[in-house]
Amino acid sequence: MKILVIGGGGREHALVWKLNQSAHVEKIFCAPGNPGISEMAECVPIAVNQVDQLAEYAESQKIDLTVVGPE
């Protein structure tokens, strides 16, 4: 399963950390992410408010699940 986590704070770090423990997860992407998250996921330089670009990226990478961290 490919997962896209949206956000770059502590909440998203915790989400990526836990998702990374699953045997079902093939790869995790995080937009925009942060240096700590980059140790567990591929950070993507797309801001959380760039919804169209996030959707296009998710389609292009064939993302199976998107987790939105920010309110």
Protein backbone atom coordinates (compact mmCIF):
# COMPACT_ATOMS: atom_id res chain seq x y z
CA MET A 1 0.00 0.00 0.00
CA LYS A 2 1.26 3.49 -0.87
CA ILE A 3 0.29 6.20 1.60
CA LEU A 4 0.41 9.99 1.35
CA VAL A 5 0.43 11.89 4.64
CA ILE A 6 -0.34 15.58 4.34
CA GLY A 7 1.35 17.93 6.80
CA GLY A 8 4.72 18.48 8.37
CA GLY A 9 4.36 18.79 12.11
CA GLY A 10 4.58 16.55 15.13
CA ARG A 11 1.17 15.01 14.53
CA GLU A 12 2.18 13.95 11.03
CA HIS A 13 5.50 12.65 12.34
CA ALA A 14 3.61 10.40 14.77
CA LEU A 15 1.28 9.22 12.00
CA VAL A 16 4.19 8.37 9.69
CA TRP A 17 6.03 6.64 12.52
CA LYS A 18 3.06 4.38 13.27
CA LEU A 19 2.13 3.73 9.63
CA ASN A 20 5.75 2.80 8.95
CA GLN A 21 5.39 -0.13 11.37
CA SER A 22 2.77 -1.89 9.22
CA ALA A 23 3.82 -4.77 7.00
CA HIS A 24 1.07 -3.68 4.56
CA VAL A 25 2.78 -0.37 3.79
CA GLU A 26 4.96 -0.38 0.68
CA LYS A 27 5.95 3.30 0.74
CA ILE A 28 5.01 6.48 2.59
CA PHE A 29 5.11 9.96 1.09
CA CYS A 30 4.65 13.12 3.15
CA ALA A 31 3.79 16.57 1.82
CA PRO A 32 5.58 18.72 2.76
CA GLY A 33 7.08 16.71 5.62
CA ASN A 34 10.10 17.75 7.70
CA PRO A 35 13.66 16.49 8.34
CA GLY A 36 12.53 14.01 11.00
CA ILE A 37 9.80 12.59 8.78
CA SER A 38 12.27 12.24 5.90
CA GLU A 39 13.96 9.41 7.80
CA MET A 40 10.80 7.30 7.39
CA ALA A 41 9.04 8.71 4.34
CA GLU A 42 9.77 10.47 1.09
CA CYS A 43 9.05 14.17 1.56
CA VAL A 44 7.28 15.92 -1.30
CA PRO A 45 7.62 19.72 -1.65
CA ILE A 46 3.90 20.47 -1.96
CA ALA A 47 2.24 22.77 0.60
CA VAL A 48 -0.82 21.57 2.50
CA ASN A 49 -3.01 24.24 0.87
CA GLN A 50 -2.07 23.27 -2.71
CA VAL A 51 -4.95 20.85 -2.99
CA ASP A 52 -4.92 20.50 -6.78
CA GLN A 53 -1.21 19.69 -6.82
CA LEU A 54 -1.65 17.19 -3.97
CA ALA A 55 -4.46 15.46 -5.88
CA GLU A 56 -2.39 15.33 -9.06
CA TYR A 57 0.57 13.92 -7.14
CA ALA A 58 -1.59 11.27 -5.48
CA GLU A 59 -2.91 10.19 -8.87
CA SER A 60 0.51 10.14 -10.49
CA GLN A 61 1.98 8.00 -7.69
CA LYS A 62 -1.09 5.72 -7.51
CA ILE A 63 -1.56 6.48 -3.81
CA ASP A 64 -3.88 4.00 -2.07
CA LEU A 65 -4.57 6.04 1.06
CA THR A 66 -4.23 9.70 1.96
CA VAL A 67 -4.08 10.80 5.60
CA VAL A 68 -4.69 14.49 6.22
CA GLY A 69 -3.00 15.70 9.40
CA PRO A 70 -3.78 19.44 9.56
CA GLU A 71 -7.20 20.64 10.53
